[in-house]
Amino acid sequence: MSKGAKIGIVLACVLVVVGGIYKFFAGNYNTMVSLEETVSSAWSQVDNQYQRRMDLIPNLVSTVKGYAAHESQVFTDIAEARSKAGGVVNVDSSIVDDPQKLAEYQKVQNQLGASLQRLLAVTENYPALKANENFLALQNELEGTENRIAVERKRFNDAVQTYNSFIRKFPANIVANMNGFEKKSYFTAEAGANQAPKVEF
């Protein structure tokens, strides 16, 4: 075999090895980027549903006030809970990189949900309110929103699980560690918070 042929074989082998390494790193990196974007997209859907719930509250409170104006403590509680939640809605997806911030976000949203449940419990004492068309429409919207929140939280957790599993498995974890891909936090609701509030009467 001539010297030129040997050099050609060596160069071909080097190219195959370099191509394989590039494909390994590029393929894993691109997959991680796609999975991370899926997590971000799922987070934005969770946040959108919480924002939808926030937007429903003023109309719901206004309708209930028309029938139960003397229930001032309930209205104060829900106003305070909504105010606290107002400081954390529309948080970008980087929150899932910080377990403490995500836990605080969840705590505030759970408090708002509990305040809504108390508001809806008050309405049981007002038959005329329960028959009010505006209240019934708002109640239906709230029920639908709470169901969507539960669905979007599950989708978010599924996306996080897929991402976390991928970046932790060998050999993809090598690429993840080299490029700063870190484990994301799951949405972990308080006990009983995985059930949508009962809003039908």
Protein backbone atom coordinates (compact mmCIF):
# COMPACT_ATOMS: atom_id res chain seq x y z
CA MET A 1 0.00 0.00 0.00
CA SER A 2 1.38 3.37 -0.99
CA LYS A 3 2.09 6.14 1.47
CA GLY A 4 -0.65 8.29 -0.08
CA ALA A 5 -3.24 5.52 0.40
CA LYS A 6 -2.25 5.14 4.06
CA ILE A 7 -2.61 8.89 4.63
CA GLY A 8 -6.01 8.79 2.93
CA ILE A 9 -7.19 5.97 5.23
CA VAL A 10 -5.95 7.82 8.31
CA LEU A 11 -7.66 11.04 7.20
CA ALA A 12 -10.90 9.15 6.52
CA CYS A 13 -10.76 7.58 10.00
CA VAL A 14 -10.07 10.96 11.60
CA LEU A 15 -13.01 12.49 9.69
CA VAL A 16 -15.33 9.66 10.77
CA VAL A 17 -14.29 10.08 14.43
CA VAL A 18 -14.61 13.89 14.31
CA GLY A 19 -17.97 13.59 12.55
CA GLY A 20 -19.19 11.12 15.18
CA ILE A 21 -18.10 13.39 18.04
CA TYR A 22 -19.74 16.41 16.41
CA LYS A 23 -22.95 14.49 15.80
CA PHE A 24 -22.99 13.29 19.42
CA PHE A 25 -22.47 16.77 20.90
CA ALA A 26 -24.64 18.66 18.42
CA GLY A 27 -27.47 16.11 18.56
CA ASN A 28 -27.59 16.04 22.35
CA TYR A 29 -27.23 19.81 22.66
CA ASN A 30 -30.03 20.47 20.17
CA THR A 31 -32.30 17.95 21.90
CA MET A 32 -31.68 19.66 25.25
CA VAL A 33 -32.50 23.06 23.76
CA SER A 34 -35.76 21.67 22.33
CA LEU A 35 -36.73 20.03 25.62
CA GLU A 36 -35.91 23.20 27.57
CA GLU A 37 -38.10 25.22 25.20
CA THR A 38 -40.91 22.71 25.76
CA VAL A 39 -40.60 23.29 29.52
CA SER A 40 -40.71 27.07 28.98
CA SER A 41 -43.76 26.77 26.76
CA ALA A 42 -45.53 24.54 29.29
CA TRP A 43 -44.70 27.02 32.05
CA SER A 44 -46.20 29.90 30.08
CA GLN A 45 -49.45 27.94 29.76
CA VAL A 46 -49.60 27.41 33.53
CA ASP A 47 -48.96 31.11 34.05
CA ASN A 48 -51.60 32.06 31.44
CA GLN A 49 -54.26 30.09 33.29
CA TYR A 50 -53.33 31.69 36.61
CA GLN A 51 -53.59 35.09 34.92
CA ARG A 52 -57.02 34.14 33.56
CA ARG A 53 -58.12 33.29 37.10
CA MET A 54 -56.75 36.63 38.36
CA ASP A 55 -58.74 38.46 35.69
CA LEU A 56 -61.99 36.73 36.70
CA ILE A 57 -61.74 37.67 40.37
CA PRO A 58 -62.77 41.38 40.22
CA ASN A 59 -66.01 40.59 38.35
CA LEU A 60 -66.78 37.68 40.65
CA VAL A 61 -66.18 39.77 43.78
CA SER A 62 -68.25 42.64 42.38
CA THR A 63 -71.18 40.33 41.66
CA VAL A 64 -71.05 38.71 45.10
CA LYS A 65 -70.74 42.13 46.81
CA GLY A 66 -74.04 43.15 45.26
CA TYR A 67 -75.78 40.44 47.30
CA ALA A 68 -73.49 40.01 50.31
CA ALA A 69 -71.98 43.42 50.98
CA HIS A 70 -71.58 42.75 54.71
CA GLU A 71 -69.17 39.81 54.14
CA SER A 72 -66.30 42.30 54.37
CA GLN A 73 -63.70 39.89 55.81
CA VAL A 74 -64.03 37.53 52.85
CA PHE A 75 -63.62 40.43 50.43
CA THR A 76 -60.58 41.70 52.36
CA ASP A 77 -58.99 38.25 52.33
CA ILE A 78 -59.46 37.78 48.61
CA ALA A 79 -58.21 41.30 47.86
CA GLU A 80 -55.05 40.64 49.88
CA ALA A 81 -54.49 37.25 48.25
CA ARG A 82 -54.99 38.73 44.78
CA SER A 83 -52.60 41.57 45.59
CA LYS A 84 -49.91 39.10 46.68
CA ALA A 85 -50.45 37.00 43.58
CA GLY A 86 -50.27 40.15 41.45
CA GLY A 87 -46.60 40.42 42.35
CA VAL A 88 -45.80 36.98 40.98
CA VAL A 89 -48.02 36.48 37.93
CA ASN A 90 -46.42 36.45 34.50
CA VAL A 91 -43.13 35.25 35.93
CA ASP A 92 -40.81 34.07 33.17
CA SER A 93 -39.84 30.43 32.91
CA SER A 94 -36.49 30.96 34.68
CA ILE A 95 -38.48 30.52 37.91
CA VAL A 96 -38.34 26.75 37.34
CA ASP A 97 -34.56 26.90 37.82
CA ASP A 98 -35.02 28.13 41.41
CA PRO A 99 -36.94 25.71 43.66
CA GLN A 100 -37.39 28.38 46.36
CA LYS A 101 -38.95 30.92 43.97
CA LEU A 102 -41.19 28.28 42.45
CA ALA A 103 -42.33 27.18 45.92
CA GLU A 104 -43.18 30.81 46.80
CA TYR A 105 -45.10 31.20 43.54
CA GLN A 106 -47.08 28.05 44.30
CA LYS A 107 -47.77 29.14 47.87
CA VAL A 108 -49.21 32.49 46.75
CA GLN A 109 -51.37 30.82 44.08
CA ASN A 110 -52.63 28.27 46.60
CA GLN A 111 -53.57 31.08 49.00
CA LEU A 112 -55.50 32.80 46.24
CA GLY A 113 -57.29 29.55 45.43
CA ALA A 114 -58.23 29.09 49.10
CA SER A 115 -59.61 32.65 49.24
CA LEU A 116 -61.72 31.95 46.17
CA GLN A 117 -63.11 28.84 47.82
CA ARG A 118 -64.11 30.91 50.88
CA LEU A 119 -65.80 33.47 48.62
CA LEU A 120 -67.74 30.75 46.85
CA ALA A 121 -68.73 29.19 50.17
CA VAL A 122 -70.30 32.52 51.21
CA THR A 123 -72.60 32.41 48.20
CA GLU A 124 -74.39 29.38 49.61
CA ASN A 125 -76.18 31.74 52.01
CA TYR A 126 -77.63 33.82 49.16
CA PRO A 127 -80.10 31.92 46.96
CA ALA A 128 -80.76 34.98 44.80
CA LEU A 129 -77.04 35.26 44.04
CA LYS A 130 -76.85 31.59 43.06
CA ALA A 131 -79.62 32.25 40.53
CA ASN A 132 -77.95 35.38 39.09
CA GLU A 133 -77.01 34.82 35.43
CA ASN A 134 -73.84 36.90 35.66
CA PHE A 135 -72.70 34.95 38.72
CA LEU A 136 -73.50 31.61 37.07
CA ALA A 137 -71.48 32.60 33.98
CA LEU A 138 -68.52 33.70 36.12
CA GLN A 139 -68.79 30.54 38.21
CA ASN A 140 -68.65 28.42 35.04
CA GLU A 141 -65.65 30.36 33.76
CA LEU A 142 -63.86 29.92 37.07
CA GLU A 143 -64.58 26.21 37.14
CA GLY A 144 -63.23 25.86 33.61
CA THR A 145 -60.13 27.87 34.49
CA GLU A 146 -59.40 25.79 37.58
CA ASN A 147 -59.66 22.64 35.47
CA ARG A 148 -57.32 24.13 32.86
CA ILE A 149 -54.84 25.07 35.59
CA ALA A 150 -54.76 21.43 36.74
CA VAL A 151 -54.27 20.20 33.15
CA GLU A 152 -51.49 22.71 32.40
CA ARG A 153 -49.68 21.92 35.66
CA LYS A 154 -49.63 18.25 34.67
CA ARG A 155 -48.34 19.06 31.18
CA PHE A 156 -45.66 21.24 32.72
CA ASN A 157 -44.55 18.47 35.08
CA ASP A 158 -44.48 15.98 32.18
CA ALA A 159 -42.25 18.35 30.17
CA VAL A 160 -39.94 18.83 33.17
CA GLN A 161 -39.72 15.07 33.72
CA THR A 162 -38.74 14.47 30.08
CA TYR A 163 -36.12 17.23 30.20
CA ASN A 164 -34.68 16.22 33.58
CA SER A 165 -34.47 12.55 32.58
CA PHE A 166 -32.67 13.37 29.35
CA ILE A 167 -30.01 15.67 30.85
CA ARG A 168 -29.24 13.24 33.68
CA LYS A 169 -28.71 10.12 31.55
CA PHE A 170 -25.27 9.09 30.37
CA PRO A 171 -23.76 10.13 28.00
CA ALA A 172 -26.06 13.16 27.46
CA ASN A 173 -25.18 14.35 30.97
CA ILE A 174 -21.66 15.13 29.71
CA VAL A 175 -23.06 17.64 27.21
CA ALA A 176 -25.52 18.98 29.81
CA ASN A 177 -22.76 19.60 32.37
CA MET A 178 -20.51 21.25 29.79
CA ASN A 179 -23.25 23.62 28.63
CA GLY A 180 -25.00 24.54 31.86
CA PHE A 181 -28.23 22.59 31.38
CA GLU A 182 -29.55 22.16 34.92
CA LYS A 183 -32.39 20.22 36.46
CA LYS A 184 -35.74 22.05 36.50
CA SER A 185 -38.13 22.18 39.46
CA TYR A 186 -41.48 20.42 39.41
CA PHE A 187 -44.78 21.99 40.30
CA THR A 188 -45.63 20.39 43.64
CA ALA A 189 -48.99 21.53 44.91
CA GLU A 190 -50.04 21.49 48.53
CA ALA A 191 -52.06 18.54 49.77
CA GLY A 192 -55.49 18.71 48.19
CA ALA A 193 -54.54 21.56 45.86
CA ASN A 194 -54.44 19.19 42.90
CA GLN A 195 -58.22 19.20 42.96
CA ALA A 196 -60.00 22.11 41.34
CA PRO A 197 -62.14 24.04 43.81
CA LYS A 198 -65.76 22.90 43.82
CA VAL A 199 -67.66 25.78 42.34
CA GLU A 200 -70.94 24.17 41.36
CA PHE A 201 -73.90 24.45 43.70
